[in-house]
Amino acid sequence: MNYSPELKDALLRRMLPPNNESITKISREEGISEQTLRNWRDKARKEGYAAPGTDAVPDDWSTQDKFLVVVETASMNETELAEYARKKGLYVEQIKAWKDACMNANGGIAKEASRLNRELKDSEKERRKLEKELQRKEKALAEAAALLVLSKKANAIWGIQRTNDQRLRSRKCCTADR
């Protein structure tokens, strides 16, 4: 069913602040389905009008609705703001508080994100350092294992067991040649 734009506007004014009449009440009085009225209200919200999603008092409005009010009033002077607040059934102090909340909304999050990024970079550095140390130790272990295998093969071939004194002398000998 098609409704005139004048009727839609009149009913929207009744649904929006300062009137904030319930959709159920308007539906009963006008004979228009509640869903149609909700659709009109939602469309008005999408177009940027501060239209709370419920019949809630302004302090219980959604953050989106409060933000829309802040955006609408951003360029207003004190007189215009007071007039706007009266039309919407709000207090100037509420709007100012909402504006402050919007301005400070991301302050703590940005600091926390910065701290977490620093921690992430530090842990990445530590991880890379530990990986390098692990690779170095794995190489040393592989070299020791290779020397042990070669030593066992040499013993198997020549059948000679060297004493600790002989090992020490051969090491001194080898290091002196270098």
Protein backbone atom coordinates (compact mmCIF):
# COMPACT_ATOMS: atom_id res chain seq x y z
CA MET A 1 0.00 0.00 0.00
CA ASN A 2 1.36 3.45 -0.87
CA TYR A 3 1.31 6.20 1.72
CA SER A 4 1.75 9.88 1.03
CA PRO A 5 5.12 11.44 1.87
CA GLU A 6 3.33 13.90 4.16
CA LEU A 7 1.82 11.06 6.19
CA LYS A 8 5.20 9.31 6.42
CA ASP A 9 6.88 12.52 7.61
CA ALA A 10 4.16 13.19 10.17
CA LEU A 11 4.39 9.66 11.57
CA LEU A 12 8.20 9.78 11.60
CA ARG A 13 8.05 13.02 13.60
CA ARG A 14 5.84 11.22 16.11
CA MET A 15 8.29 8.28 16.32
CA LEU A 16 11.41 10.44 16.61
CA PRO A 17 12.48 12.67 19.49
CA PRO A 18 11.17 14.64 21.24
CA ASN A 19 7.84 12.78 20.94
CA ASN A 20 9.24 9.22 20.94
CA GLU A 21 5.79 7.67 20.63
CA SER A 22 5.78 3.91 20.51
CA ILE A 23 5.40 2.18 17.19
CA THR A 24 2.66 -0.02 18.66
CA LYS A 25 0.60 3.01 19.69
CA ILE A 26 0.98 4.72 16.30
CA SER A 27 0.15 1.47 14.52
CA ARG A 28 -3.09 1.07 16.48
CA GLU A 29 -4.11 4.70 15.97
CA GLU A 30 -3.30 4.92 12.25
CA GLY A 31 -4.03 1.35 11.15
CA ILE A 32 -0.57 0.92 9.63
CA SER A 33 1.40 -2.24 10.37
CA GLU A 34 4.18 -2.04 12.93
CA GLN A 35 6.65 -3.49 10.42
CA THR A 36 5.91 -0.70 7.93
CA LEU A 37 6.55 1.88 10.65
CA ARG A 38 9.79 0.12 11.65
CA ASN A 39 10.90 0.10 8.02
CA TRP A 40 10.27 3.85 7.74
CA ARG A 41 12.17 4.47 10.97
CA ASP A 42 15.09 2.30 9.84
CA LYS A 43 15.18 4.07 6.48
CA ALA A 44 15.29 7.42 8.30
CA ARG A 45 18.20 6.13 10.39
CA LYS A 46 20.09 5.08 7.25
CA GLU A 47 19.54 8.53 5.82
CA GLY A 48 21.27 10.02 8.84
CA TYR A 49 18.40 11.01 11.10
CA ALA A 50 18.91 10.32 14.78
CA ALA A 51 16.13 7.82 15.26
CA PRO A 52 16.55 5.47 18.18
CA GLY A 53 15.78 1.85 17.40
CA THR A 54 13.50 1.60 20.40
CA ASP A 55 11.28 3.79 22.51
CA ALA A 56 14.18 4.19 24.93
CA VAL A 57 15.11 7.35 26.74
CA PRO A 58 18.04 9.22 25.12
CA ASP A 59 20.63 7.85 27.56
CA ASP A 60 19.66 4.32 26.47
CA TRP A 61 20.00 5.07 22.75
CA SER A 62 22.42 3.00 20.72
CA THR A 63 25.92 4.35 20.16
CA GLN A 64 25.07 4.73 16.47
CA ASP A 65 22.15 7.05 17.27
CA LYS A 66 24.24 9.06 19.70
CA PHE A 67 26.99 9.36 17.10
CA LEU A 68 24.47 10.59 14.51
CA VAL A 69 23.36 13.31 16.93
CA VAL A 70 27.00 14.31 17.50
CA VAL A 71 27.61 14.49 13.75
CA GLU A 72 24.44 16.51 13.17
CA THR A 73 25.40 19.00 15.87
CA ALA A 74 29.14 19.23 15.16
CA SER A 75 28.97 22.54 13.30
CA MET A 76 26.29 24.19 15.44
CA ASN A 77 26.88 27.10 17.79
CA GLU A 78 25.47 27.13 21.34
CA THR A 79 22.13 28.67 20.34
CA GLU A 80 21.55 26.25 17.48
CA LEU A 81 22.62 23.36 19.69
CA ALA A 82 20.15 24.36 22.39
CA GLU A 83 17.34 24.64 19.83
CA TYR A 84 18.27 21.26 18.32
CA ALA A 85 18.32 19.68 21.79
CA ARG A 86 14.86 21.06 22.59
CA LYS A 87 13.44 19.70 19.32
CA LYS A 88 14.93 16.26 19.94
CA GLY A 89 14.01 16.13 23.61
CA LEU A 90 17.65 16.11 24.69
CA TYR A 91 19.85 18.15 26.98
CA VAL A 92 22.85 20.07 25.66
CA GLU A 93 24.95 18.39 28.36
CA GLN A 94 23.97 14.96 26.99
CA ILE A 95 25.08 15.90 23.51
CA LYS A 96 28.37 17.31 24.83
CA ALA A 97 28.98 14.15 26.86
CA TRP A 98 28.28 12.01 23.78
CA LYS A 99 30.67 14.17 21.76
CA ASP A 100 33.41 13.72 24.37
CA ALA A 101 32.79 9.97 24.39
CA CYS A 102 33.11 9.88 20.59
CA MET A 103 36.31 11.91 20.68
CA ASN A 104 37.89 9.67 23.31
CA ALA A 105 36.51 6.40 21.99
CA ASN A 106 39.68 5.28 20.22
CA GLY A 107 42.30 6.88 22.48
CA GLY A 108 42.79 3.90 24.78
CA ILE A 109 42.52 1.41 21.95
CA ALA A 110 45.25 3.13 19.94
CA LYS A 111 47.63 3.13 22.92
CA GLU A 112 46.88 -0.51 23.62
CA ALA A 113 47.42 -1.44 19.97
CA SER A 114 50.74 0.41 19.95
CA ARG A 115 51.88 -1.40 23.11
CA LEU A 116 50.83 -4.76 21.68
CA ASN A 117 52.69 -4.04 18.43
CA ARG A 118 55.87 -3.25 20.38
CA GLU A 119 55.49 -6.46 22.37
CA LEU A 120 54.96 -8.39 19.16
CA LYS A 121 58.11 -6.94 17.59
CA ASP A 122 60.12 -7.69 20.73
CA SER A 123 58.88 -11.28 20.84
CA GLU A 124 59.68 -11.67 17.12
CA LYS A 125 63.26 -10.48 17.76
CA GLU A 126 63.58 -12.90 20.65
CA ARG A 127 62.19 -15.74 18.52
CA ARG A 128 64.67 -15.03 15.71
CA LYS A 129 67.53 -14.87 18.22
CA LEU A 130 66.50 -18.20 19.73
CA GLU A 131 66.17 -19.77 16.28
CA LYS A 132 69.71 -18.67 15.36
CA GLU A 133 71.04 -20.06 18.63
CA LEU A 134 69.18 -23.33 18.05
CA GLN A 135 70.63 -23.63 14.53
CA ARG A 136 74.14 -22.98 15.87
CA LYS A 137 73.70 -25.65 18.55
CA GLU A 138 72.23 -28.13 16.05
CA LYS A 139 75.27 -27.62 13.80
CA ALA A 140 77.63 -28.17 16.75
CA LEU A 141 75.71 -31.30 17.75
CA ALA A 142 75.81 -32.63 14.18
CA GLU A 143 79.56 -31.98 14.02
CA ALA A 144 80.11 -33.77 17.36
CA ALA A 145 78.01 -36.70 16.17
CA ALA A 146 80.01 -36.88 12.91
CA LEU A 147 83.29 -36.86 14.84
CA LEU A 148 82.03 -39.62 17.12
CA VAL A 149 81.00 -41.74 14.13
CA LEU A 150 84.36 -41.17 12.46
CA SER A 151 86.15 -42.03 15.67
CA LYS A 152 84.22 -45.29 15.98
CA LYS A 153 84.94 -46.14 12.33
CA ALA A 154 88.64 -45.45 12.81
CA ASN A 155 88.68 -47.68 15.87
CA ALA A 156 86.87 -50.39 13.95
CA ILE A 157 89.35 -50.18 11.06
CA TRP A 158 92.57 -49.95 13.04
CA GLY A 159 91.36 -51.61 16.20
CA ILE A 160 93.21 -49.11 18.36
CA GLN A 161 91.73 -47.49 21.43
CA ARG A 162 93.45 -44.25 22.23
CA THR A 163 94.00 -43.18 25.81
CA ASN A 164 93.02 -39.79 27.12
CA ASP A 165 96.71 -38.71 27.12
CA GLN A 166 97.03 -39.55 23.45
CA ARG A 167 93.86 -37.65 22.61
CA LEU A 168 95.08 -34.59 24.44
CA ARG A 169 98.45 -34.71 22.68
CA SER A 170 96.82 -35.07 19.28
CA ARG A 171 94.54 -32.13 19.95
CA LYS A 172 97.48 -29.94 20.99
CA CYS A 173 99.28 -31.07 17.93
CA CYS A 174 96.37 -30.25 15.65
CA THR A 175 95.74 -26.86 17.18
CA ALA A 176 99.44 -25.94 17.00
CA ASP A 177 99.46 -26.62 13.24
CA ARG A 178 96.64 -24.17 12.62
